[in-house]
Protein backbone atom coordinates (compact mmCIF):
# COMPACT_ATOMS: atom_id res chain seq x y z
CA MET A 1 -15.29 -32.34 20.81
CA ILE A 2 -17.62 -32.74 17.84
CA LYS A 3 -16.56 -35.66 15.71
CA ILE A 4 -15.74 -34.90 12.10
CA LYS A 5 -14.35 -36.87 9.17
CA ALA A 6 -10.75 -37.53 8.23
CA VAL A 7 -9.22 -38.20 4.83
CA ILE A 8 -6.06 -40.30 4.70
CA LEU A 9 -4.03 -40.15 1.49
CA ALA A 10 -2.76 -43.70 0.98
CA ALA A 11 -2.61 -44.31 -2.77
CA GLY A 12 1.11 -43.95 -3.48
CA ARG A 13 3.50 -46.63 -4.65
CA GLY A 14 6.23 -46.04 -2.04
CA VAL A 15 8.99 -46.14 -4.64
CA ARG A 16 11.74 -45.06 -2.23
CA LEU A 17 10.90 -47.96 0.07
CA ARG A 18 11.47 -50.65 -2.52
CA PRO A 19 11.97 -53.61 -2.32
CA LEU A 20 9.66 -53.60 0.73
CA THR A 21 6.82 -52.06 -1.29
CA PHE A 22 7.03 -54.49 -4.21
CA ASP A 23 4.65 -56.80 -2.34
CA THR A 24 3.15 -54.50 0.31
CA PRO A 25 1.65 -51.01 0.00
CA LYS A 26 3.56 -48.46 2.07
CA PRO A 27 0.67 -47.82 4.54
CA LEU A 28 0.76 -51.52 5.49
CA LEU A 29 4.49 -51.59 6.25
CA LYS A 30 4.89 -52.37 9.94
CA ILE A 31 6.41 -50.16 12.60
CA ASN A 32 6.82 -52.11 15.85
CA ASN A 33 4.61 -54.90 14.46
CA LYS A 34 1.73 -52.60 13.51
CA PRO A 35 1.04 -51.12 10.05
CA ILE A 36 1.69 -47.40 9.62
CA LEU A 37 -1.95 -46.82 8.70
CA GLU A 38 -3.16 -48.64 11.82
CA HIS A 39 -0.99 -46.41 14.02
CA ASN A 40 -2.73 -43.38 12.52
CA LEU A 41 -6.22 -44.85 12.80
CA ASP A 42 -5.52 -45.42 16.50
CA GLN A 43 -4.77 -41.70 16.88
CA LEU A 44 -8.17 -40.83 15.37
CA ILE A 45 -10.27 -42.90 17.78
CA ARG A 46 -12.89 -40.70 19.48
CA LEU A 47 -11.90 -37.76 17.27
CA VAL A 48 -13.63 -38.78 14.04
CA ASP A 49 -16.66 -40.86 13.14
CA GLU A 50 -15.54 -41.72 9.61
CA VAL A 51 -12.23 -42.06 7.79
CA ILE A 52 -12.11 -41.83 4.01
CA ILE A 53 -9.02 -43.60 2.75
CA ILE A 54 -7.84 -42.68 -0.72
CA VAL A 55 -6.28 -45.86 -2.08
CA GLY A 56 -4.60 -46.83 -5.33
CA TYR A 57 -1.51 -49.01 -5.30
CA LYS A 58 -2.42 -52.48 -3.98
CA ALA A 59 -5.76 -51.07 -2.77
CA GLU A 60 -7.28 -54.49 -2.23
CA MET A 61 -4.65 -55.37 0.38
CA ILE A 62 -5.56 -52.27 2.41
CA LYS A 63 -9.30 -52.95 2.08
CA GLU A 64 -8.86 -56.58 3.11
CA TYR A 65 -6.75 -55.66 6.14
CA PHE A 66 -9.08 -53.02 7.63
CA GLY A 67 -12.53 -53.79 6.23
CA ASN A 68 -15.33 -51.27 6.65
CA GLN A 69 -14.69 -50.20 10.23
CA TYR A 70 -11.89 -49.90 12.74
CA LYS A 71 -12.58 -49.74 16.48
CA GLY A 72 -15.83 -47.86 15.99
CA ILE A 73 -14.66 -45.69 13.09
CA LYS A 74 -16.46 -46.17 9.77
CA ILE A 75 -14.04 -46.65 6.87
CA THR A 76 -14.85 -45.62 3.32
CA TYR A 77 -12.47 -46.30 0.44
CA ILE A 78 -12.11 -44.19 -2.69
CA ILE A 79 -9.91 -45.38 -5.55
CA GLN A 80 -7.47 -42.94 -7.13
CA GLU A 81 -7.05 -44.76 -10.43
CA LYS A 82 -3.95 -42.81 -11.43
CA GLN A 83 -1.57 -41.40 -8.81
CA LEU A 84 -1.47 -37.83 -10.12
CA GLY A 85 -0.60 -36.08 -6.86
CA THR A 86 -2.08 -35.07 -3.52
CA ALA A 87 -4.46 -32.44 -4.92
CA HIS A 88 -5.89 -34.99 -7.34
CA ALA A 89 -6.12 -37.54 -4.51
CA LEU A 90 -8.13 -35.28 -2.21
CA LEU A 91 -10.32 -34.17 -5.10
CA GLN A 92 -11.58 -37.76 -5.33
CA ALA A 93 -13.43 -37.14 -2.05
CA LYS A 94 -15.42 -34.18 -3.40
CA GLY A 95 -19.09 -34.50 -2.46
CA ARG A 96 -18.29 -36.76 0.50
CA LEU A 97 -17.29 -33.96 2.88
CA GLN A 98 -19.12 -30.97 4.29
CA GLY A 99 -17.69 -28.34 6.60
CA ARG A 100 -14.36 -29.01 8.33
CA PHE A 101 -12.34 -32.21 8.02
CA ILE A 102 -8.85 -33.59 8.66
CA VAL A 103 -6.43 -34.50 5.87
CA MET A 104 -3.32 -36.53 6.61
CA ASN A 105 -0.65 -38.54 4.84
CA GLY A 106 -1.14 -42.28 5.14
CA ASP A 107 2.56 -42.97 5.34
CA ASP A 108 3.71 -40.60 8.09
CA LEU A 109 3.08 -41.04 11.81
CA TYR A 110 1.14 -38.50 13.86
CA ASN A 111 -0.02 -38.23 17.49
CA LYS A 112 -3.56 -37.67 18.75
CA TYR A 113 -2.49 -34.75 20.98
CA ASP A 114 -1.21 -32.82 17.97
CA ILE A 115 -4.29 -33.66 15.90
CA GLU A 116 -6.51 -32.37 18.71
CA ASN A 117 -4.52 -29.13 18.83
CA CYS A 118 -5.09 -28.67 15.10
CA LEU A 119 -8.82 -29.22 15.57
CA LYS A 120 -8.92 -26.28 17.97
CA LYS A 121 -8.28 -24.07 14.92
CA GLU A 122 -10.73 -23.40 12.12
CA ILE A 123 -8.15 -24.08 9.38
CA ALA A 124 -4.69 -25.31 10.31
CA ILE A 125 -1.45 -26.96 9.22
CA LEU A 126 0.63 -29.08 11.59
CA ALA A 127 4.30 -28.08 11.39
CA LYS A 128 7.60 -29.07 12.97
CA VAL A 129 10.99 -27.38 13.22
CA VAL A 130 13.53 -29.68 11.54
CA GLY A 131 17.29 -29.73 11.22
CA ASP A 132 17.36 -30.18 7.44
CA PRO A 133 14.39 -28.28 5.98
CA SER A 134 15.61 -28.80 2.40
CA ARG A 135 14.11 -32.31 2.61
CA PHE A 136 10.61 -30.98 3.14
CA GLY A 137 8.14 -28.36 2.10
CA VAL A 138 8.35 -25.52 4.62
CA LEU A 139 5.92 -22.93 5.94
CA VAL A 140 6.52 -19.22 6.03
CA VAL A 141 4.58 -17.80 8.98
CA GLU A 142 3.80 -14.45 10.49
CA GLY A 143 1.85 -13.82 13.68
CA GLY A 144 0.64 -17.41 13.89
CA LEU A 145 -0.64 -17.43 10.30
CA VAL A 146 0.81 -19.24 7.31
CA THR A 147 1.75 -16.77 4.59
CA ASP A 148 3.40 -19.16 2.12
CA ILE A 149 4.42 -22.77 1.51
CA ILE A 150 7.70 -23.45 -0.25
CA GLU A 151 8.26 -26.93 -1.69
CA LYS A 152 11.66 -28.59 -1.13
CA SER A 153 13.93 -25.65 -1.81
CA PRO A 154 17.76 -25.97 -1.66
CA ASN A 155 17.62 -22.70 0.30
CA PRO A 156 14.43 -22.93 2.37
CA PRO A 157 13.26 -19.69 3.98
CA SER A 158 12.39 -21.41 7.27
CA LYS A 159 12.96 -24.61 9.26
CA LEU A 160 9.24 -25.16 9.82
CA ALA A 161 8.43 -28.34 7.91
CA ASN A 162 4.95 -29.00 6.59
CA THR A 163 3.95 -32.37 8.09
CA GLY A 164 1.14 -33.05 5.63
CA LEU A 165 -1.59 -32.93 8.29
CA TYR A 166 -4.27 -30.30 7.77
CA VAL A 167 -7.63 -29.18 9.08
CA LEU A 168 -9.49 -27.81 6.06
CA ASN A 169 -13.06 -27.12 4.99
CA ASP A 170 -14.99 -27.88 1.83
CA ASP A 171 -13.97 -24.56 0.28
CA ILE A 172 -10.76 -26.34 -0.71
CA PHE A 173 -12.45 -28.35 -3.45
CA SER A 174 -13.05 -25.43 -5.82
CA LEU A 175 -9.36 -24.56 -5.43
CA LEU A 176 -8.27 -28.14 -6.04
CA GLU A 177 -10.04 -28.12 -9.40
CA ASP A 178 -7.90 -25.18 -10.55
CA VAL A 179 -4.52 -26.61 -9.52
CA GLU A 180 -2.07 -26.85 -12.40
CA LEU A 181 0.57 -29.49 -12.95
CA SER A 182 3.67 -28.79 -10.84
CA GLU A 183 7.30 -29.01 -11.91
CA ARG A 184 7.34 -32.49 -10.36
CA GLY A 185 4.57 -33.53 -12.76
CA GLU A 186 1.87 -33.78 -10.09
CA TYR A 187 -1.17 -31.87 -8.91
CA GLU A 188 -0.07 -30.67 -5.47
CA LEU A 189 -2.40 -30.09 -2.52
CA THR A 190 -0.06 -27.37 -1.26
CA ASP A 191 -0.74 -25.33 -4.41
CA ALA A 192 -4.44 -25.25 -3.51
CA ILE A 193 -3.63 -24.33 0.10
CA LYS A 194 -1.42 -21.47 -1.11
CA GLU A 195 -4.51 -20.09 -2.85
CA LEU A 196 -6.57 -20.69 0.29
CA ILE A 197 -4.09 -18.61 2.31
CA ILE A 198 -4.99 -15.59 0.16
CA VAL A 199 -8.68 -15.67 1.12
CA GLU A 200 -8.74 -17.35 4.56
CA ASP A 201 -6.68 -17.34 7.75
CA VAL A 202 -4.66 -20.55 7.86
CA GLU A 203 -2.98 -21.09 11.25
CA TYR A 204 0.04 -23.24 11.93
CA VAL A 205 0.20 -25.60 14.89
CA PRO A 206 3.61 -26.76 16.16
CA VAL A 207 4.18 -30.45 16.83
CA LYS A 208 4.31 -31.11 20.58
CA LYS A 209 4.42 -34.93 20.55
CA TYR A 210 5.70 -36.41 17.30
CA TRP A 211 5.59 -36.38 13.54
CA ILE A 212 7.64 -39.14 11.98
CA SER A 213 8.26 -39.02 8.25
CA ILE A 214 8.99 -42.40 6.70
CA SER A 215 10.49 -42.14 3.24
CA ASN A 216 13.19 -44.83 3.21
CA ILE A 217 14.15 -48.08 4.93
CA LYS A 218 16.52 -46.39 7.38
CA GLU A 219 13.67 -44.18 8.59
CA ILE A 220 11.60 -47.27 9.45
CA GLU A 221 14.25 -48.23 12.00
CA MET A 222 14.33 -44.66 13.33
CA ALA A 223 10.53 -44.61 13.58
CA GLU A 224 10.51 -47.80 15.64
CA LYS A 225 12.94 -46.31 18.14
CA GLU A 226 11.04 -43.02 18.30
CA LEU A 227 7.64 -44.65 18.85
CA LYS A 228 8.96 -46.82 21.67
CA LYS A 229 9.46 -43.62 23.67
CA TYR A 230 5.70 -43.17 23.64
CA GLU A 231 4.64 -46.76 24.31
CA GLY A 232 2.32 -46.94 27.27
CA SER A 233 1.75 -43.19 27.32
CA GLU A 234 -1.15 -43.24 24.85
CA LYS A 235 -4.65 -44.08 25.94
């Protein structure tokens, strides 16, 4: 597989994980004695040759922890001075990426097998069927293609949660520049992808291993139990 670049969005303040995030940025919170961000970097070994980490809140702690490379992967940091949303975060990497690349949340946990499956597609979104889809943005799909993305609706039209892991190409940047402020007061990456769906085929890839969303302290404990199921099975 040809190695490409990955962008990890890791600038947020982790408000819902306070008080843990008062002193530590969310991507450095530990799951089974290893930071969330390190778990994800491990999944990218031999898949990418460079990771661009978008940092903001307590950026220096992340830079100091990982330095400029991790197990053969070059690390580049870009500061998002103001946390204005995921579209704004990815837009900071404009000019650093050509062709296809991976985008992923820096505070969720993903598995290499699922990332590889996404890379088999030209443009893709990793998705998982969940019991309570009202907690997540969901995908509307037809014939393997994404036809819409609905953000956190009280009556979601599907149970297929958007995991926040994408394979995109540099066409996304012109769309990011046109994104308008959402009702949540942020510039949302999903708004740009909804425009991309109109002009390109965007496929969805179902999670086969795991996607673990970590948004509160209770979910840290759940993540530790879930990951232990996979200990020793990853190479």
